[in-house]
Amino acid sequence: LGPLSCMICQALLFDFTKCIPCSHLFCQVCTSRFKDCLLCGADIEKLEADTNLQSMVDRFIEGHARMKRPHVDANGGGGEQVVNDDKKVIYEDISLDRGAFLVQQAMRKTGNTSEFCSQLGAVLGMLGDCCRAMGDSASAINYFEESVEFLTKLPTDDLEITHALSVSLNKIGDLKYYDGDLQAARSYYLRSLGVRRDVIKNNSGVASQVIDIAVSLAKVADVDRILGKDDEAIDGFQEAIKLLRVTISEIQRS
């Protein structure tokens, strides 16, 4: 990370602070414990925040995280994307290395605020995707479970968050499924289905939410089929088909 890293903690500088008079830079929390500069040994007369350099770090994080804030117009404005900086940040398309330092930065912040849990839950989910793509199922499951832990702390009325939560649960279920642990897979699929059923109660007209439920129903039904629970499997598949048919008809009419 070069000039953007702290010599003490070896991570991205957080709350850039300049030692006076030597002007060496450290994280505020790292250098506040010392009376002498750890780099040159000079007496620290005072500490000054350097907002310009902190802005550089923030831009560095944004450039590597490829953050987005997608919010579809609820009034159906032709699928237009409405950007609202007050909304929670969702990360996309990050590498394992990028995700690692983003998690590191997030963990250095204090308090389980909604924004903190949202950002960290999303990044952990992306790290799980990276591990899954590399064939490391155990690490992927750990990251997805951590993602679920943070996302479950958030309000359930945010469609993006509940979607991310249900997706992480389904991904754990998928990994358990491919490992042959069908009972565990079914358990995670059912948890995802439960999240999605709760959401649909107040969003029955949102096609994407209906499709999410149909997907979860099909996943549970598929496991039931393999486990020999034919009647339950048929019921699940039929409910999924019915939901999809109704949704397709409504889309065609509109």
Protein backbone atom coordinates (compact mmCIF):
# COMPACT_ATOMS: atom_id res chain seq x y z
CA LEU A 1 0.00 0.00 0.00
CA GLY A 2 3.07 2.25 0.14
CA PRO A 3 2.45 5.84 1.26
CA LEU A 4 -1.16 5.07 2.16
CA SER A 5 -0.22 2.56 4.85
CA CYS A 6 0.49 3.10 8.53
CA MET A 7 4.00 2.14 9.68
CA ILE A 8 2.62 0.92 13.00
CA CYS A 9 -0.34 -1.31 12.09
CA GLN A 10 0.73 -1.97 8.47
CA ALA A 11 -2.81 -1.31 7.23
CA LEU A 12 -4.45 1.49 5.27
CA LEU A 13 -4.20 4.74 7.18
CA PHE A 14 -7.35 5.41 9.16
CA ASP A 15 -8.00 8.93 10.48
CA PHE A 16 -4.80 10.32 8.96
CA THR A 17 -2.78 12.09 11.65
CA LYS A 18 0.41 14.13 11.27
CA CYS A 19 2.98 14.35 14.04
CA ILE A 20 4.20 17.89 14.70
CA PRO A 21 6.94 18.97 14.11
CA CYS A 22 8.35 15.94 12.20
CA SER A 23 5.27 15.58 9.91
CA HIS A 24 5.35 11.78 9.86
CA LEU A 25 1.95 10.18 9.30
CA PHE A 26 0.18 7.43 11.23
CA CYS A 27 -3.33 6.33 12.12
CA GLN A 28 -4.71 8.54 14.86
CA VAL A 29 -5.39 5.60 17.17
CA CYS A 30 -1.91 4.16 16.55
CA THR A 31 0.16 7.26 17.32
CA SER A 32 -1.96 8.69 20.14
CA ARG A 33 -0.40 6.19 22.54
CA PHE A 34 3.13 7.53 22.09
CA LYS A 35 4.97 10.70 23.09
CA ASP A 36 7.76 10.23 20.54
CA CYS A 37 7.52 9.59 16.80
CA LEU A 38 8.16 5.89 16.21
CA LEU A 39 9.79 6.64 12.87
CA CYS A 40 12.33 9.32 13.78
CA GLY A 41 12.18 9.55 17.58
CA ALA A 42 11.28 13.26 17.65
CA ASP A 43 9.13 14.57 20.47
CA ILE A 44 5.48 14.83 19.44
CA GLU A 45 4.33 18.32 20.37
CA LYS A 46 0.85 17.83 18.93
CA LEU A 47 -1.14 15.81 16.42
CA GLU A 48 -2.94 17.28 13.43
CA ALA A 49 -5.55 15.61 11.23
CA ASP A 50 -4.73 15.53 7.53
CA THR A 51 -8.08 15.52 5.75
CA ASN A 52 -6.57 15.82 2.27
CA LEU A 53 -4.60 12.59 2.58
CA GLN A 54 -7.56 10.87 4.23
CA SER A 55 -9.58 11.77 1.14
CA MET A 56 -6.94 10.04 -0.98
CA VAL A 57 -7.37 6.86 1.06
CA ASP A 58 -11.14 7.08 0.70
CA ARG A 59 -10.80 7.43 -3.08
CA PHE A 60 -8.39 4.48 -3.11
CA ILE A 61 -10.95 2.32 -1.32
CA GLU A 62 -13.73 3.43 -3.64
CA GLY A 63 -11.63 2.71 -6.71
CA HIS A 64 -10.82 -0.80 -5.58
CA ALA A 65 -14.21 -1.71 -4.18
CA ARG A 66 -16.28 -0.54 -7.17
CA MET A 67 -19.14 0.53 -4.94
CA LYS A 68 -22.67 0.97 -6.25
CA ARG A 69 -25.92 2.25 -4.82
CA PRO A 70 -28.65 0.87 -7.11
CA HIS A 71 -32.23 1.77 -6.28
CA VAL A 72 -34.97 1.14 -8.79
CA ASP A 73 -37.71 3.74 -9.00
CA ALA A 74 -40.67 2.30 -7.10
CA ASN A 75 -43.05 4.07 -9.48
CA GLY A 76 -41.85 1.97 -12.37
CA GLY A 77 -40.00 4.69 -14.21
CA GLY A 78 -38.78 2.46 -16.99
CA GLY A 79 -36.25 0.68 -14.82
CA GLU A 80 -34.36 3.91 -14.20
CA GLN A 81 -31.67 3.66 -11.55
CA VAL A 82 -32.08 6.22 -8.80
CA VAL A 83 -28.92 6.96 -6.85
CA ASN A 84 -29.29 8.05 -3.26
CA ASP A 85 -26.11 8.60 -1.27
CA ASP A 86 -28.03 8.21 1.99
CA LYS A 87 -28.72 4.56 1.21
CA LYS A 88 -26.54 1.70 2.35
CA VAL A 89 -23.54 0.80 0.24
CA ILE A 90 -23.42 -2.53 -1.53
CA TYR A 91 -20.09 -3.71 -2.90
CA GLU A 92 -19.78 -5.62 -6.15
CA ASP A 93 -17.08 -7.20 -8.28
CA ILE A 94 -14.27 -7.30 -5.74
CA SER A 95 -11.29 -9.62 -5.66
CA LEU A 96 -10.23 -11.61 -2.61
CA ASP A 97 -7.38 -9.19 -1.88
CA ARG A 98 -9.61 -6.16 -2.25
CA GLY A 99 -12.23 -7.70 -0.01
CA ALA A 100 -9.66 -8.59 2.63
CA PHE A 101 -8.49 -5.04 3.14
CA LEU A 102 -12.06 -3.71 3.04
CA VAL A 103 -13.01 -6.09 5.84
CA GLN A 104 -9.88 -5.05 7.71
CA GLN A 105 -10.83 -1.39 7.40
CA ALA A 106 -14.43 -2.00 8.41
CA MET A 107 -13.43 -3.97 11.50
CA ARG A 108 -11.40 -1.01 12.72
CA LYS A 109 -14.53 1.08 13.00
CA THR A 110 -16.49 0.86 16.21
CA GLY A 111 -20.16 0.14 16.72
CA ASN A 112 -22.61 -2.15 14.96
CA THR A 113 -24.40 0.56 13.00
CA SER A 114 -26.70 -0.36 10.13
CA GLU A 115 -24.25 1.04 7.61
CA PHE A 116 -21.38 -0.92 9.15
CA CYS A 117 -23.31 -4.21 9.13
CA SER A 118 -24.57 -3.61 5.60
CA GLN A 119 -21.14 -2.89 4.15
CA LEU A 120 -19.38 -5.66 6.00
CA GLY A 121 -22.11 -8.20 5.26
CA ALA A 122 -21.90 -7.41 1.55
CA VAL A 123 -18.09 -7.61 1.43
CA LEU A 124 -18.06 -10.90 3.35
CA GLY A 125 -20.54 -12.30 0.85
CA MET A 126 -18.25 -11.31 -2.01
CA LEU A 127 -15.30 -12.95 -0.27
CA GLY A 128 -17.40 -16.09 -0.04
CA ASP A 129 -17.97 -15.90 -3.79
CA CYS A 130 -14.21 -15.61 -4.38
CA CYS A 131 -13.48 -18.66 -2.22
CA ARG A 132 -16.23 -20.66 -3.87
CA ALA A 133 -14.84 -19.81 -7.31
CA MET A 134 -11.43 -21.04 -6.17
CA GLY A 135 -12.89 -24.31 -4.89
CA ASP A 136 -12.41 -23.54 -1.20
CA SER A 137 -15.85 -24.54 0.05
CA ALA A 138 -15.00 -24.44 3.76
CA SER A 139 -13.75 -20.85 3.62
CA ALA A 140 -16.67 -19.84 1.41
CA ILE A 141 -19.16 -21.20 3.94
CA ASN A 142 -17.39 -19.36 6.76
CA TYR A 143 -17.57 -16.05 4.88
CA PHE A 144 -21.22 -16.56 3.93
CA GLU A 145 -22.10 -17.39 7.53
CA GLU A 146 -20.33 -14.24 8.71
CA SER A 147 -22.24 -12.29 6.08
CA VAL A 148 -25.51 -13.74 7.37
CA GLU A 149 -24.53 -12.82 10.93
CA PHE A 150 -24.12 -9.14 10.05
CA LEU A 151 -27.07 -8.90 7.67
CA THR A 152 -29.49 -10.39 10.21
CA LYS A 153 -28.77 -7.42 12.49
CA LEU A 154 -30.32 -5.03 9.97
CA PRO A 155 -33.93 -3.91 9.48
CA THR A 156 -35.99 -6.37 7.46
CA ASP A 157 -37.78 -3.65 5.49
CA ASP A 158 -34.79 -3.01 3.21
CA LEU A 159 -35.25 -5.14 0.08
CA GLU A 160 -31.57 -5.07 -0.88
CA ILE A 161 -30.48 -6.30 2.52
CA THR A 162 -33.07 -9.06 2.77
CA HIS A 163 -32.21 -10.18 -0.76
CA ALA A 164 -28.49 -10.31 0.10
CA LEU A 165 -29.31 -12.23 3.29
CA SER A 166 -31.45 -14.81 1.52
CA VAL A 167 -28.86 -15.21 -1.24
CA SER A 168 -26.09 -15.89 1.29
CA LEU A 169 -28.27 -18.51 2.97
CA ASN A 170 -28.97 -20.15 -0.38
CA LYS A 171 -25.28 -20.17 -1.27
CA ILE A 172 -24.45 -21.98 1.96
CA GLY A 173 -27.24 -24.40 1.13
CA ASP A 174 -25.78 -24.94 -2.35
CA LEU A 175 -22.34 -25.73 -0.93
CA LYS A 176 -23.85 -28.17 1.58
CA TYR A 177 -25.88 -29.70 -1.25
CA TYR A 178 -22.81 -30.33 -3.40
CA ASP A 179 -20.97 -31.74 -0.38
CA GLY A 180 -23.78 -34.27 0.00
CA ASP A 181 -25.13 -32.88 3.28
CA LEU A 182 -28.74 -32.68 2.12
CA GLN A 183 -30.30 -32.12 5.53
CA ALA A 184 -28.06 -29.12 6.18
CA ALA A 185 -28.74 -27.84 2.66
CA ARG A 186 -32.48 -28.10 3.22
CA SER A 187 -32.17 -26.24 6.51
CA TYR A 188 -30.42 -23.28 4.88
CA TYR A 189 -32.82 -23.27 1.93
CA LEU A 190 -35.75 -23.16 4.37
CA ARG A 191 -34.17 -20.24 6.24
CA SER A 192 -33.80 -18.38 2.97
CA LEU A 193 -37.40 -19.19 2.06
CA GLY A 194 -38.54 -17.89 5.44
CA VAL A 195 -36.75 -14.58 4.90
CA ARG A 196 -38.31 -14.23 1.46
CA ARG A 197 -41.82 -15.11 2.66
CA ASP A 198 -41.58 -12.41 5.32
CA VAL A 199 -40.53 -9.85 2.71
CA ILE A 200 -43.32 -10.71 0.28
CA LYS A 201 -45.98 -9.92 2.89
CA ASN A 202 -45.40 -6.21 2.31
CA ASN A 203 -44.12 -6.44 -1.26
CA SER A 204 -46.52 -8.81 -2.99
CA GLY A 205 -46.47 -6.80 -6.20
CA VAL A 206 -42.69 -6.82 -6.63
CA ALA A 207 -41.86 -9.38 -9.33
CA SER A 208 -38.27 -9.89 -8.20
CA GLN A 209 -39.45 -10.86 -4.71
CA VAL A 210 -41.91 -13.39 -6.12
CA ILE A 211 -39.18 -14.91 -8.27
CA ASP A 212 -36.93 -15.16 -5.22
CA ILE A 213 -39.58 -17.18 -3.40
CA ALA A 214 -40.05 -19.45 -6.41
CA VAL A 215 -36.31 -20.13 -6.51
CA SER A 216 -36.22 -21.00 -2.81
CA LEU A 217 -39.27 -23.23 -3.15
CA ALA A 218 -37.61 -25.10 -6.02
CA LYS A 219 -34.40 -25.57 -4.03
CA VAL A 220 -36.25 -27.03 -1.05
CA ALA A 221 -38.38 -29.21 -3.33
CA ASP A 222 -35.32 -30.53 -5.14
CA VAL A 223 -33.78 -31.69 -1.85
CA ASP A 224 -37.10 -33.23 -0.80
CA ARG A 225 -37.18 -35.13 -4.09
CA ILE A 226 -33.72 -36.58 -3.48
CA LEU A 227 -34.63 -37.46 0.11
CA GLY A 228 -37.65 -39.39 -1.14
CA LYS A 229 -40.23 -36.90 0.14
CA ASP A 230 -42.15 -36.96 -3.12
CA ASP A 231 -45.38 -35.37 -1.91
CA GLU A 232 -43.57 -32.43 -0.31
CA ALA A 233 -41.39 -32.03 -3.39
CA ILE A 234 -44.42 -31.95 -5.70
CA ASP A 235 -46.16 -29.37 -3.50
CA GLY A 236 -43.08 -27.17 -3.52
CA PHE A 237 -42.57 -27.34 -7.27
CA GLN A 238 -46.26 -26.69 -7.93
CA GLU A 239 -46.29 -23.63 -5.67
CA ALA A 240 -43.19 -22.28 -7.42
CA ILE A 241 -44.75 -22.84 -10.86
CA LYS A 242 -47.99 -21.15 -9.80
CA LEU A 243 -46.15 -18.08 -8.51
CA LEU A 244 -44.12 -17.79 -11.70
CA ARG A 245 -47.16 -18.15 -13.95
CA VAL A 246 -49.04 -15.43 -12.07
CA THR A 247 -46.02 -13.14 -12.19
CA ILE A 248 -45.48 -13.69 -15.92
CA SER A 249 -49.16 -12.94 -16.60
CA GLU A 250 -48.97 -9.70 -14.61
CA ILE A 251 -45.83 -8.63 -16.44
CA GLN A 252 -47.43 -9.34 -19.82
CA ARG A 253 -50.54 -7.34 -18.90
CA SER A 254 -48.47 -4.37 -17.84
